[in-house]
Amino acid sequence: MNAAVLLIISIAILVVGYIFYGRWLAKKWGVDPSKETPAHTMEDGVDYVPAKAPVLMGHHFSSIAGAGPINGPIQAAVFGWVPVALWVLIGGIFFGGVHDFGSLFASVRNKGKSIGTVIEDSIGLKAKRLFIIFAYLTLLLVVAAFASIVANTFKATFLENGAIDYAASAANASTAMISIFFIVLAILFGFFVYRRNAPLGVSTIIGVALIAVAMYIGLNWHPIYLSYETWMIICGVYVLVASVTPVWILLQPRDYLSSFLLYGMMILAVVGIIGCHPSIDAMPAFTGFTDTLAPTGTSLGYLFPALFVTIACGAISGFHSLVGSGTTAKQLNNERDARPIAYGGMLIESALAIISLCAVAYIWKDYSSGTTVVPTAVFAGGLSAMLGQLFGAGAQTVTYSLLILAVSAFCLTSLDTATRLARYMFQEFWVKPGEDIKTLTGARKVLINPYVATLITVVLGVALGMTGYSKIWALFGAANQLLAALGLLAVAAWLGKIGRYNKMFYFPFGFMLIVTLTSLVFTIKAQIGLISAGTDTTWAIIRAVIAVLLIILAIDLVIEGIKTLKKQAQAKAAN
């Protein structure tokens, strides 16, 4: 198989899915461009702020992308390119796209509140509280992980005598400097566009040009060399401020501008793949139902459920429902924008996942032998090697750095968004149905304060990032996909309540539920084995307990949801 052929066919399938299936979904659900969105009816200048469709697309895509559609397909490539490509395409169109589009639309019709509130409205208060606890804990893990990733990308390398190794630290220092310039640039962009009404088109051209200038300066001037711990604290302070700042100041403009890094990265990738059009035959089409390659030293196990848990963002990811129903729903200018932003954004991620698959296929020998296994290095290495073959060694060096920078920028974006989403979840937990937050008193009044909720979230997230998040990170994949299953259930129940067709959710929900429960059972079995062997006993017990709690939570919520769907079906039959 030729990589260019695989990419072109995949993009064509995704476009057809967007046009026909996406349009059918919008019709079935009753998307109404004439209906005012919460961004207008509840505009507050902080969280509820109407955004132009391209700007909101930039925010949404930057927030959901991160490193997910790069890491997942590369790690799952041990099963061969055919299962990876099939799951990305089928999952993106019929699972992830439905999940993301439905979550955003349901939130918009529920005053821009989270999926937790949608669950409360359609299933009940108990289900809402269980979901919010689960989602909040998952987001804390995301905050910890992405803060750690960013800090590792920025940190300086120290010699044994404590001195800074400037040569080894230069690349990280450049990334840190460019990121700082980028934040300042985003604030200026937001000020001129939203407060001085500067034309978006002209501002975008200038902004993108200044990004290039910032990159040039950062690559040649990077005087800041700090330790991992210092950068973790700085990241904590940054997200503490960024997640309570009005969205027009930083979140909207930064995410919009950063999306051009990803668009540029994808364009470079397409040029490299089509221009180089390499064969991917070095990579097996299918390696079997068990991961026997294990290039990282640890096997993923059985294809089912590993493939469907490992490839999340490229096919379906529960984190997307939190973004869509958290920040994006509060900024949607018109319901007609929901399909291109949510459904379209998901399919662009699927395209990026296919690009990642082509990248690992190009350097398959290095990957399968364990020589190059870090996903970002595989991604940047494979694509820059293709571009180097087309344009020379100089192009390979520059594009490698740019690709690493782009991935780092999206991790920072996801960190900010995850913190803001966790704050929303924390605040919503303390509010009872129909209660006006202005009437709250005592401890609940303090806890729903945005600054208090954010401070608690940041302190917990950064502390976890500095200690043991990596010990439980292996559970994130299953937790994230369980979140996706519950998101599908929530939207299905809500659509049923308002009398809209919801059967397109049944199979994706059932499949993802079986995937995650199977994965959690395997995890529990593995932890019992570690405990019996006396290996890493404390953390093995913690992981086993968390996995058991996730299964109990899932079953409890699913029972409540199925009862609701059954009642809806009976009421419909009676009518």
Protein backbone atom coordinates (compact mmCIF):
# COMPACT_ATOMS: atom_id res chain seq x y z
CA MET A 1 0.00 0.00 0.00
CA ASN A 2 1.16 3.50 -0.86
CA ALA A 3 0.92 6.06 1.96
CA ALA A 4 -0.39 8.77 -0.37
CA VAL A 5 -3.18 6.46 -1.60
CA LEU A 6 -4.13 5.57 1.98
CA LEU A 7 -4.26 9.25 2.96
CA ILE A 8 -6.29 10.37 -0.08
CA ILE A 9 -8.82 7.53 0.26
CA SER A 10 -9.17 8.20 4.00
CA ILE A 11 -9.75 11.95 3.53
CA ALA A 12 -12.34 11.23 0.82
CA ILE A 13 -14.21 8.84 3.13
CA LEU A 14 -14.17 11.41 5.95
CA VAL A 15 -15.47 14.16 3.66
CA VAL A 16 -18.32 11.96 2.44
CA GLY A 17 -19.15 11.08 6.04
CA TYR A 18 -19.23 14.74 7.03
CA ILE A 19 -21.45 15.78 4.14
CA PHE A 20 -24.02 12.99 4.27
CA TYR A 21 -24.03 11.50 7.75
CA GLY A 22 -23.36 14.81 9.50
CA ARG A 23 -26.18 16.49 7.58
CA TRP A 24 -28.55 13.62 8.43
CA LEU A 25 -27.72 13.92 12.13
CA ALA A 26 -28.41 17.65 12.13
CA LYS A 27 -31.78 17.04 10.48
CA LYS A 28 -32.77 14.24 12.88
CA TRP A 29 -31.85 16.24 15.96
CA GLY A 30 -33.54 19.46 14.86
CA VAL A 31 -30.57 21.82 14.65
CA ASP A 32 -32.15 25.27 14.21
CA PRO A 33 -30.06 28.23 12.94
CA SER A 34 -32.84 30.65 13.94
CA LYS A 35 -32.68 29.67 17.63
CA GLU A 36 -30.59 31.88 19.90
CA THR A 37 -27.65 30.16 21.59
CA PRO A 38 -26.58 30.58 25.25
CA ALA A 39 -23.62 32.68 24.06
CA HIS A 40 -26.22 35.37 23.30
CA THR A 41 -28.98 34.72 25.84
CA MET A 42 -26.53 34.36 28.75
CA GLU A 43 -23.64 36.52 27.57
CA ASP A 44 -21.53 37.60 30.56
CA GLY A 45 -18.25 38.70 28.95
CA VAL A 46 -16.30 35.99 30.81
CA ASP A 47 -17.42 32.45 29.90
CA TYR A 48 -20.45 33.13 27.68
CA VAL A 49 -19.08 35.09 24.74
CA PRO A 50 -20.21 34.63 21.09
CA ALA A 51 -17.31 33.69 18.84
CA LYS A 52 -16.97 33.79 15.08
CA ALA A 53 -17.09 30.26 13.67
CA PRO A 54 -13.41 30.14 12.55
CA VAL A 55 -12.27 31.41 15.97
CA LEU A 56 -14.38 28.89 17.86
CA MET A 57 -13.25 26.12 15.52
CA GLY A 58 -9.69 27.04 16.42
CA HIS A 59 -10.45 26.85 20.13
CA HIS A 60 -12.40 23.60 19.91
CA PHE A 61 -9.94 21.82 17.63
CA SER A 62 -6.89 22.97 19.58
CA SER A 63 -8.47 21.84 22.85
CA ILE A 64 -9.57 18.37 21.74
CA ALA A 65 -6.46 17.61 19.67
CA GLY A 66 -3.50 17.77 22.03
CA ALA A 67 -1.21 14.85 21.38
CA GLY A 68 -4.04 12.29 21.35
CA PRO A 69 -4.49 11.72 17.59
CA ILE A 70 -0.71 11.37 17.33
CA ASN A 71 0.04 9.12 20.30
CA GLY A 72 -2.86 6.69 19.93
CA PRO A 73 -2.43 5.52 16.32
CA ILE A 74 1.34 5.27 16.69
CA GLN A 75 1.08 3.13 19.83
CA ALA A 76 -1.68 0.96 18.32
CA ALA A 77 0.34 0.45 15.11
CA VAL A 78 1.68 -2.74 16.71
CA PHE A 79 -1.54 -4.41 15.47
CA GLY A 80 -0.91 -3.35 11.84
CA TRP A 81 -2.10 -0.48 9.68
CA VAL A 82 -5.41 -2.07 8.59
CA PRO A 83 -7.09 -2.28 12.04
CA VAL A 84 -5.81 1.18 12.93
CA ALA A 85 -7.12 2.77 9.72
CA LEU A 86 -10.48 0.98 9.95
CA TRP A 87 -11.10 2.01 13.55
CA VAL A 88 -10.07 5.62 12.87
CA LEU A 89 -12.43 5.95 9.88
CA ILE A 90 -15.39 4.00 11.26
CA GLY A 91 -14.92 5.37 14.74
CA GLY A 92 -14.53 8.97 13.60
CA ILE A 93 -17.66 9.02 11.42
CA PHE A 94 -20.07 6.82 13.40
CA PHE A 95 -18.74 7.05 16.98
CA GLY A 96 -16.65 10.14 17.68
CA GLY A 97 -18.45 12.51 15.32
CA VAL A 98 -21.85 11.53 16.74
CA HIS A 99 -20.52 11.82 20.30
CA ASP A 100 -18.94 15.26 19.81
CA PHE A 101 -21.75 16.77 17.75
CA GLY A 102 -24.41 15.39 20.09
CA SER A 103 -22.62 16.58 23.24
CA LEU A 104 -22.25 20.12 21.92
CA PHE A 105 -25.84 20.31 20.67
CA ALA A 106 -27.30 18.92 23.92
CA SER A 107 -25.27 21.42 25.94
CA VAL A 108 -26.35 24.34 23.76
CA ARG A 109 -29.98 23.38 24.32
CA ASN A 110 -29.31 23.19 28.09
CA LYS A 111 -27.97 26.72 28.64
CA GLY A 112 -24.38 25.77 27.82
CA LYS A 113 -24.11 23.54 30.88
CA SER A 114 -21.99 20.41 31.02
CA ILE A 115 -22.99 16.86 30.14
CA GLY A 116 -23.52 16.41 33.87
CA THR A 117 -26.46 18.82 33.74
CA VAL A 118 -27.80 17.10 30.63
CA ILE A 119 -27.72 13.84 32.61
CA GLU A 120 -29.55 15.51 35.48
CA ASP A 121 -32.23 16.80 33.14
CA SER A 122 -32.82 13.46 31.41
CA ILE A 123 -31.79 10.78 33.95
CA GLY A 124 -31.62 12.29 37.43
CA LEU A 125 -29.63 14.15 40.11
CA LYS A 126 -27.87 11.03 41.43
CA ALA A 127 -26.58 10.20 37.95
CA LYS A 128 -25.41 13.79 37.48
CA ARG A 129 -23.40 13.79 40.70
CA LEU A 130 -21.79 10.45 39.93
CA PHE A 131 -20.85 11.65 36.44
CA ILE A 132 -19.42 14.94 37.69
CA ILE A 133 -17.27 13.21 40.33
CA PHE A 134 -15.92 10.85 37.68
CA ALA A 135 -15.38 13.61 35.11
CA TYR A 136 -13.69 15.91 37.63
CA LEU A 137 -11.25 13.23 38.76
CA THR A 138 -10.50 12.40 35.12
CA LEU A 139 -9.84 16.08 34.40
CA LEU A 140 -7.48 16.32 37.37
CA LEU A 141 -5.47 13.52 35.79
CA VAL A 142 -5.48 15.40 32.47
CA VAL A 143 -4.28 18.60 34.19
CA ALA A 144 -1.51 16.67 35.94
CA ALA A 145 -0.42 14.88 32.76
CA PHE A 146 -0.44 17.87 30.43
CA ALA A 147 1.27 20.13 32.98
CA SER A 148 3.96 17.47 33.27
CA ILE A 149 4.27 17.15 29.49
CA VAL A 150 4.63 20.93 29.09
CA ALA A 151 7.14 21.18 31.94
CA ASN A 152 9.19 18.34 30.45
CA THR A 153 9.12 20.10 27.07
CA PHE A 154 10.39 23.34 28.63
CA LYS A 155 12.80 22.10 31.31
CA ALA A 156 16.56 22.51 31.31
CA THR A 157 18.96 19.56 31.52
CA PHE A 158 21.41 19.65 34.42
CA LEU A 159 24.88 18.11 34.69
CA GLU A 160 25.98 15.99 37.65
CA ASN A 161 27.58 19.03 39.32
CA GLY A 162 24.27 20.94 39.13
CA ALA A 163 25.29 23.20 36.24
CA ILE A 164 22.98 23.68 33.27
CA ASP A 165 23.82 21.70 30.13
CA TYR A 166 23.08 24.52 27.69
CA ALA A 167 23.66 22.44 24.56
CA ALA A 168 21.20 19.74 25.63
CA SER A 169 18.69 22.31 26.90
CA ALA A 170 18.64 24.65 23.90
CA ALA A 171 15.71 23.00 22.09
CA ASN A 172 13.52 23.03 25.23
CA ALA A 173 14.47 26.61 26.01
CA SER A 174 13.48 27.62 22.47
CA THR A 175 10.10 25.92 22.82
CA ALA A 176 9.51 27.69 26.14
CA MET A 177 10.45 31.08 24.71
CA ILE A 178 8.26 30.69 21.65
CA SER A 179 5.35 29.64 23.87
CA ILE A 180 5.74 32.78 26.00
CA PHE A 181 5.81 34.96 22.88
CA PHE A 182 2.75 33.11 21.65
CA ILE A 183 0.72 33.90 24.78
CA VAL A 184 1.59 37.61 24.54
CA LEU A 185 0.69 37.61 20.84
CA ALA A 186 -2.66 35.94 21.57
CA ILE A 187 -3.57 38.59 24.16
CA LEU A 188 -2.79 41.36 21.68
CA PHE A 189 -4.82 39.57 18.98
CA GLY A 190 -7.82 39.27 21.30
CA PHE A 191 -7.62 42.92 22.31
CA PHE A 192 -7.55 44.24 18.76
CA VAL A 193 -10.20 41.86 17.38
CA TYR A 194 -12.68 42.03 20.28
CA ARG A 195 -12.09 45.50 21.66
CA ARG A 196 -10.95 47.47 18.63
CA ASN A 197 -13.04 45.52 16.08
CA ALA A 198 -10.06 44.83 13.85
CA PRO A 199 -11.02 42.75 10.77
CA LEU A 200 -10.56 39.05 11.50
CA GLY A 201 -9.01 38.27 8.10
CA VAL A 202 -6.37 41.00 8.30
CA SER A 203 -5.68 40.25 11.97
CA THR A 204 -5.23 36.56 11.14
CA ILE A 205 -2.68 37.27 8.42
CA ILE A 206 -0.73 39.57 10.73
CA GLY A 207 -1.04 37.09 13.61
CA VAL A 208 0.26 34.16 11.58
CA ALA A 209 3.14 36.30 10.29
CA LEU A 210 4.03 37.28 13.86
CA ILE A 211 3.94 33.60 14.89
CA ALA A 212 6.65 32.99 12.31
CA VAL A 213 8.63 35.95 13.72
CA ALA A 214 8.19 34.60 17.27
CA MET A 215 9.50 31.22 16.13
CA TYR A 216 12.53 32.80 14.50
CA ILE A 217 13.34 34.84 17.61
CA GLY A 218 12.73 31.93 19.97
CA LEU A 219 14.95 29.59 17.99
CA ASN A 220 17.80 32.10 18.13
CA TRP A 221 17.25 33.76 21.52
CA HIS A 222 16.16 31.67 24.50
CA PRO A 223 17.72 32.89 27.75
CA ILE A 224 15.33 31.11 30.16
CA TYR A 225 16.62 27.79 31.59
CA LEU A 226 14.56 26.45 34.49
CA SER A 227 14.04 23.10 36.19
CA TYR A 228 11.05 20.78 35.78
CA GLU A 229 9.69 21.68 39.22
CA THR A 230 9.91 25.41 38.50
CA TRP A 231 8.10 25.03 35.20
CA MET A 232 5.38 22.96 36.92
CA ILE A 233 4.77 25.82 39.34
CA ILE A 234 4.77 28.35 36.49
CA CYS A 235 2.27 26.20 34.56
CA GLY A 236 0.09 26.11 37.67
CA VAL A 237 0.14 29.89 38.00
CA TYR A 238 -0.53 30.29 34.29
CA VAL A 239 -3.61 28.05 34.21
CA LEU A 240 -4.82 29.56 37.47
CA VAL A 241 -4.99 32.93 35.74
CA ALA A 242 -5.92 31.72 32.26
CA SER A 243 -8.89 29.60 33.34
CA VAL A 244 -10.67 32.48 35.11
CA THR A 245 -9.78 35.16 32.57
CA PRO A 246 -12.57 36.18 30.15
CA VAL A 247 -12.37 33.87 27.13
CA TRP A 248 -11.94 36.72 24.65
CA ILE A 249 -8.68 37.83 26.31
CA LEU A 250 -6.69 34.62 25.94
CA LEU A 251 -8.61 31.39 25.33
CA GLN A 252 -10.35 32.31 22.07
CA PRO A 253 -7.43 34.15 20.39
CA ARG A 254 -4.72 31.78 21.60
CA ASP A 255 -6.57 28.67 20.50
CA TYR A 256 -7.52 30.28 17.20
CA LEU A 257 -3.95 31.23 16.42
CA SER A 258 -2.53 27.95 17.68
CA SER A 259 -4.88 26.09 15.36
CA PHE A 260 -2.88 27.52 12.46
CA LEU A 261 0.16 25.69 13.82
CA LEU A 262 -1.80 22.46 13.57
CA TYR A 263 -3.23 23.32 10.16
CA GLY A 264 0.29 24.18 9.01
CA MET A 265 1.59 20.95 10.51
CA MET A 266 -1.07 18.96 8.67
CA ILE A 267 -0.39 20.75 5.38
CA LEU A 268 3.33 20.00 5.70
CA ALA A 269 2.44 16.39 6.46
CA VAL A 270 0.18 16.09 3.42
CA VAL A 271 2.88 17.64 1.20
CA GLY A 272 5.43 15.20 2.57
CA ILE A 273 3.21 12.12 2.23
CA ILE A 274 1.87 12.91 -1.24
CA GLY A 275 5.16 14.29 -2.52
CA CYS A 276 7.21 11.40 -1.19
CA HIS A 277 4.37 8.84 -1.64
CA PRO A 278 6.32 6.08 0.11
CA SER A 279 5.22 2.48 0.35
CA ILE A 280 4.10 1.39 3.81
CA ASP A 281 4.62 -2.29 3.07
CA ALA A 282 7.44 -2.42 5.64
CA MET A 283 4.66 -2.12 8.22
CA PRO A 284 2.46 -5.25 8.43
CA ALA A 285 -1.17 -4.88 7.41
CA PHE A 286 -2.17 -7.02 10.38
CA THR A 287 0.10 -8.52 13.03
CA GLY A 288 -2.44 -10.62 14.91
CA PHE A 289 -4.87 -10.35 17.80
CA THR A 290 -2.13 -9.96 20.41
CA ASP A 291 0.66 -7.40 20.62
CA THR A 292 3.83 -9.47 20.39
CA LEU A 293 6.03 -6.62 19.10
CA ALA A 294 5.92 -4.43 22.23
CA PRO A 295 8.54 -1.93 20.97
CA THR A 296 8.33 0.04 24.23
CA GLY A 297 8.99 -3.09 26.25
CA THR A 298 5.39 -3.42 27.44
CA SER A 299 2.77 -5.29 25.40
CA LEU A 300 -0.62 -3.68 24.81
CA GLY A 301 -2.19 -7.11 25.15
CA TYR A 302 -5.17 -8.24 23.09
CA LEU A 303 -6.38 -6.24 20.08
CA PHE A 304 -9.77 -6.13 21.78
CA PRO A 305 -10.04 -3.95 23.83
CA ALA A 306 -6.54 -2.41 23.49
CA LEU A 307 -7.02 -0.98 19.97
CA PHE A 308 -10.21 0.87 20.94
CA VAL A 309 -8.80 2.23 24.20
CA THR A 310 -5.39 3.21 22.83
CA ILE A 311 -6.80 5.09 19.83
CA ALA A 312 -9.07 7.59 21.51
CA CYS A 313 -8.87 11.14 20.11
CA GLY A 314 -8.52 9.88 16.53
CA ALA A 315 -11.80 7.94 16.74
CA ILE A 316 -13.76 8.80 19.90
CA SER A 317 -12.73 10.41 23.18
CA GLY A 318 -14.77 11.22 26.27
CA PHE A 319 -12.68 14.35 26.86
CA HIS A 320 -14.27 15.83 23.73
CA SER A 321 -17.73 15.80 25.33
CA LEU A 322 -16.36 17.84 28.23
CA VAL A 323 -14.84 20.39 25.85
CA GLY A 324 -17.94 20.60 23.66
CA SER A 325 -20.32 20.90 26.59
CA GLY A 326 -17.96 23.02 28.67
CA THR A 327 -16.27 25.84 26.80
CA THR A 328 -17.42 25.47 23.17
CA ALA A 329 -21.17 25.47 23.94
CA LYS A 330 -20.80 28.77 25.80
CA GLN A 331 -19.26 30.45 22.76
CA LEU A 332 -21.32 29.00 19.87
CA ASN A 333 -22.66 31.93 17.86
CA ASN A 334 -25.23 29.95 15.85
CA GLU A 335 -26.50 26.36 15.92
CA ARG A 336 -25.51 25.94 12.27
CA ASP A 337 -21.88 26.18 13.41
CA ALA A 338 -22.23 23.07 15.60
CA ARG A 339 -21.79 20.56 12.77
CA PRO A 340 -18.58 21.99 11.25
CA ILE A 341 -17.05 22.69 14.67
CA ALA A 342 -17.93 19.48 16.53
CA TYR A 343 -18.51 16.85 13.83
CA GLY A 344 -16.02 18.44 11.42
CA GLY A 345 -13.43 18.95 14.16
CA MET A 346 -13.62 15.26 15.06
CA LEU A 347 -13.10 14.18 11.46
CA ILE A 348 -10.09 16.48 11.09
CA GLU A 349 -8.64 14.67 14.09
CA SER A 350 -9.29 11.40 12.31
CA ALA A 351 -7.34 12.71 9.33
CA LEU A 352 -4.48 13.63 11.67
CA ALA A 353 -4.60 10.08 13.06
CA ILE A 354 -4.16 8.69 9.53
CA ILE A 355 -1.23 11.06 9.01
CA SER A 356 0.30 9.71 12.24
CA LEU A 357 -0.14 6.18 10.90
CA CYS A 358 1.71 7.12 7.71
CA ALA A 359 4.52 8.66 9.79
CA VAL A 360 5.11 5.53 11.87
CA ALA A 361 4.89 3.35 8.76
CA TYR A 362 7.66 5.38 7.12
CA ILE A 363 10.12 4.66 9.95
CA TRP A 364 8.64 1.30 10.89
CA LYS A 365 11.99 -0.47 11.26
CA ASP A 366 13.17 2.07 13.84
CA TYR A 367 9.84 1.89 15.68
CA SER A 368 9.36 -1.88 15.71
CA SER A 369 12.97 -2.42 16.84
CA GLY A 370 12.48 -0.05 19.78
CA THR A 371 15.00 2.51 18.47
CA THR A 372 12.47 5.36 18.19
CA VAL A 373 9.31 4.79 20.22
CA VAL A 374 8.27 8.13 21.77
CA PRO A 375 5.15 9.03 19.71
CA THR A 376 6.00 12.71 19.19
CA ALA A 377 9.52 11.76 18.05
CA VAL A 378 8.08 9.08 15.73
CA PHE A 379 5.57 11.55 14.31
CA ALA A 380 8.06 14.37 13.80
CA GLY A 381 10.81 12.00 12.68
CA GLY A 382 8.70 10.21 10.06
CA LEU A 383 7.17 13.32 8.52
CA SER A 384 10.34 15.43 8.61
CA ALA A 385 12.22 12.56 6.94
CA MET A 386 9.70 12.61 4.07
CA LEU A 387 10.05 16.38 3.74
CA GLY A 388 13.82 16.03 3.93
CA GLN A 389 13.73 13.59 1.03
CA LEU A 390 11.80 16.19 -0.98
CA PHE A 391 13.57 19.41 0.04
CA GLY A 392 16.89 18.40 1.59
CA ALA A 393 18.46 17.84 5.02
CA GLY A 394 17.92 21.47 6.07
CA ALA A 395 14.17 21.14 5.63
CA GLN A 396 14.21 17.95 7.68
CA THR A 397 15.90 19.65 10.63
CA VAL A 398 13.62 22.71 10.61
CA THR A 399 10.38 20.78 10.15
CA TYR A 400 11.28 18.35 12.92
CA SER A 401 11.59 21.27 15.38
CA LEU A 402 8.37 22.86 14.10
CA LEU A 403 6.40 19.63 14.48
CA ILE A 404 7.63 19.12 18.06
CA LEU A 405 6.72 22.75 18.83
CA ALA A 406 3.21 22.34 17.41
CA VAL A 407 2.54 19.30 19.60
CA SER A 408 3.81 21.19 22.66
CA ALA A 409 1.54 24.15 21.87
CA PHE A 410 -1.51 21.90 21.83
CA CYS A 411 -0.60 20.30 25.13
CA LEU A 412 -0.52 23.79 26.68
CA THR A 413 -3.90 24.56 25.10
CA SER A 414 -5.43 21.35 26.42
CA LEU A 415 -4.00 22.09 29.88
CA ASP A 416 -5.75 25.47 30.04
CA THR A 417 -9.04 24.07 28.71
CA ALA A 418 -9.00 21.06 31.05
CA THR A 419 -8.52 23.36 34.06
CA ARG A 420 -11.44 25.57 33.03
CA LEU A 421 -13.62 22.50 32.44
CA ALA A 422 -12.70 21.07 35.85
CA ARG A 423 -13.70 24.39 37.40
CA TYR A 424 -17.10 24.22 35.70
CA MET A 425 -17.60 20.66 36.95
CA PHE A 426 -16.60 21.55 40.49
CA GLN A 427 -19.01 24.48 40.57
CA GLU A 428 -21.94 22.56 39.07
CA PHE A 429 -21.60 19.77 41.64
CA TRP A 430 -22.70 22.05 44.50
CA VAL A 431 -25.79 23.46 42.78
CA LYS A 432 -29.13 21.69 43.17
CA PRO A 433 -31.75 21.44 40.39
CA GLY A 434 -33.44 24.78 39.70
CA GLU A 435 -31.29 26.57 42.27
CA ASP A 436 -30.04 30.11 41.62
CA ILE A 437 -26.34 30.29 42.47
CA LYS A 438 -26.83 33.87 43.66
CA THR A 439 -28.93 32.58 46.58
CA LEU A 440 -26.32 30.14 47.90
CA THR A 441 -24.86 30.74 51.34
CA GLY A 442 -22.22 29.25 53.61
CA ALA A 443 -19.67 26.73 52.40
CA ARG A 444 -21.41 26.14 49.06
CA LYS A 445 -21.19 29.85 48.24
CA VAL A 446 -17.44 29.69 48.81
CA LEU A 447 -16.98 26.47 46.84
CA ILE A 448 -18.79 27.75 43.72
CA ASN A 449 -16.63 30.87 43.63
CA PRO A 450 -14.68 30.56 40.35
CA TYR A 451 -11.40 31.57 41.97
CA VAL A 452 -11.76 29.07 44.82
CA ALA A 453 -12.85 26.26 42.46
CA THR A 454 -9.92 26.98 40.14
CA LEU A 455 -7.38 27.21 42.98
CA ILE A 456 -8.46 23.83 44.38
CA THR A 457 -8.25 22.28 40.90
CA VAL A 458 -4.82 23.71 40.10
CA VAL A 459 -3.29 22.79 43.46
CA LEU A 460 -4.55 19.20 43.22
CA GLY A 461 -3.57 18.86 39.53
CA VAL A 462 -0.05 20.27 39.89
CA ALA A 463 0.58 18.28 43.09
CA LEU A 464 -0.48 15.10 41.30
CA GLY A 465 1.74 16.03 38.36
CA MET A 466 4.75 16.36 40.65
CA THR A 467 4.18 13.04 42.40
CA GLY A 468 2.48 9.92 41.17
CA TYR A 469 0.16 10.63 38.25
CA SER A 470 2.21 8.34 36.01
CA LYS A 471 1.41 5.45 38.35
CA ILE A 472 -2.30 5.66 37.52
CA TRP A 473 -2.04 7.12 34.00
CA ALA A 474 -2.50 3.64 32.53
CA LEU A 475 -6.12 3.82 33.73
CA PHE A 476 -6.76 7.06 31.86
CA GLY A 477 -7.45 5.35 28.52
CA ALA A 478 -10.25 3.22 29.95
CA ALA A 479 -11.59 6.10 32.06
CA ASN A 480 -11.62 8.39 29.03
CA GLN A 481 -13.47 5.86 26.86
CA LEU A 482 -15.90 5.14 29.69
CA LEU A 483 -16.57 8.88 29.74
CA ALA A 484 -17.34 8.64 26.01
CA ALA A 485 -19.81 5.80 26.59
CA LEU A 486 -21.56 7.80 29.32
CA GLY A 487 -21.61 10.88 27.08
CA LEU A 488 -23.32 8.86 24.34
CA LEU A 489 -25.84 7.55 26.87
CA ALA A 490 -26.54 11.05 28.19
CA VAL A 491 -27.26 12.54 24.78
CA ALA A 492 -29.39 9.54 23.77
CA ALA A 493 -31.50 9.93 26.92
CA TRP A 494 -31.86 13.68 26.38
CA LEU A 495 -32.89 13.31 22.73
CA GLY A 496 -35.41 10.67 23.77
CA LYS A 497 -36.84 13.04 26.35
CA ILE A 498 -37.43 15.80 23.79
CA GLY A 499 -38.88 13.31 21.32
CA ARG A 500 -36.02 13.22 18.82
CA TYR A 501 -34.56 10.18 17.05
CA ASN A 502 -31.70 8.76 19.12
CA LYS A 503 -31.07 5.21 17.92
CA MET A 504 -27.78 6.20 16.24
CA PHE A 505 -26.35 6.29 19.79
CA TYR A 506 -27.29 2.77 20.85
CA PHE A 507 -24.58 0.71 19.16
CA PRO A 508 -21.69 3.18 19.80
CA PHE A 509 -22.74 3.38 23.46
CA GLY A 510 -23.01 -0.39 23.88
CA PHE A 511 -19.73 -1.06 22.07
CA MET A 512 -17.73 1.52 24.05
CA LEU A 513 -19.21 0.29 27.32
CA ILE A 514 -18.13 -3.30 26.56
CA VAL A 515 -14.68 -2.06 25.48
CA THR A 516 -14.06 -0.11 28.68
CA LEU A 517 -15.47 -2.71 31.07
CA THR A 518 -13.33 -5.39 29.39
CA SER A 519 -10.26 -3.18 29.64
CA LEU A 520 -10.90 -2.50 33.33
CA VAL A 521 -11.36 -6.22 34.06
CA PHE A 522 -8.00 -6.93 32.38
CA THR A 523 -6.46 -4.14 34.46
CA ILE A 524 -7.80 -5.61 37.70
CA LYS A 525 -6.47 -9.04 36.71
CA ALA A 526 -3.02 -7.57 35.98
CA GLN A 527 -2.94 -5.73 39.32
CA ILE A 528 -3.91 -8.88 41.22
CA GLY A 529 -0.96 -10.57 39.53
CA LEU A 530 1.39 -7.80 40.69
CA ILE A 531 0.03 -7.95 44.22
CA SER A 532 0.48 -11.74 44.33
CA ALA A 533 4.06 -11.36 43.10
CA GLY A 534 4.76 -8.60 45.63
CA THR A 535 5.67 -6.15 42.84
CA ASP A 536 4.75 -2.45 43.21
CA THR A 537 2.14 -3.60 45.73
CA THR A 538 0.89 -0.22 47.00
CA TRP A 539 0.24 1.27 43.57
CA ALA A 540 -1.14 -2.04 42.29
CA ILE A 541 -3.73 -1.96 45.06
CA ILE A 542 -4.58 1.68 44.29
CA ARG A 543 -4.99 0.95 40.58
CA ALA A 544 -7.13 -2.12 41.28
CA VAL A 545 -9.39 -0.16 43.65
CA ILE A 546 -9.80 2.68 41.13
CA ALA A 547 -10.64 0.19 38.36
CA VAL A 548 -13.26 -1.50 40.55
CA LEU A 549 -14.80 1.87 41.45
CA LEU A 550 -14.96 2.83 37.76
CA ILE A 551 -16.80 -0.41 36.95
CA ILE A 552 -19.28 0.18 39.79
CA LEU A 553 -19.81 3.78 38.67
CA ALA A 554 -20.35 2.74 35.08
CA ILE A 555 -22.82 -0.01 35.92
CA ASP A 556 -24.77 2.28 38.27
CA LEU A 557 -25.04 5.05 35.68
CA VAL A 558 -25.86 2.64 32.86
CA ILE A 559 -28.68 1.04 34.86
CA GLU A 560 -30.17 4.49 35.52
CA GLY A 561 -29.78 5.45 31.87
CA ILE A 562 -31.28 2.24 30.48
CA LYS A 563 -34.26 2.62 32.83
CA THR A 564 -34.79 6.11 31.43
CA LEU A 565 -34.54 4.94 27.81
CA LYS A 566 -36.95 2.08 28.54
CA LYS A 567 -39.51 4.45 30.07
CA GLN A 568 -39.19 6.75 27.07
CA ALA A 569 -39.76 3.84 24.67
CA GLN A 570 -42.81 2.67 26.64
CA ALA A 571 -44.29 6.17 26.71
CA LYS A 572 -43.72 6.53 22.97
CA ALA A 573 -45.36 3.15 22.30
CA ALA A 574 -48.34 4.11 24.46
CA ASN A 575 -48.87 7.25 22.41
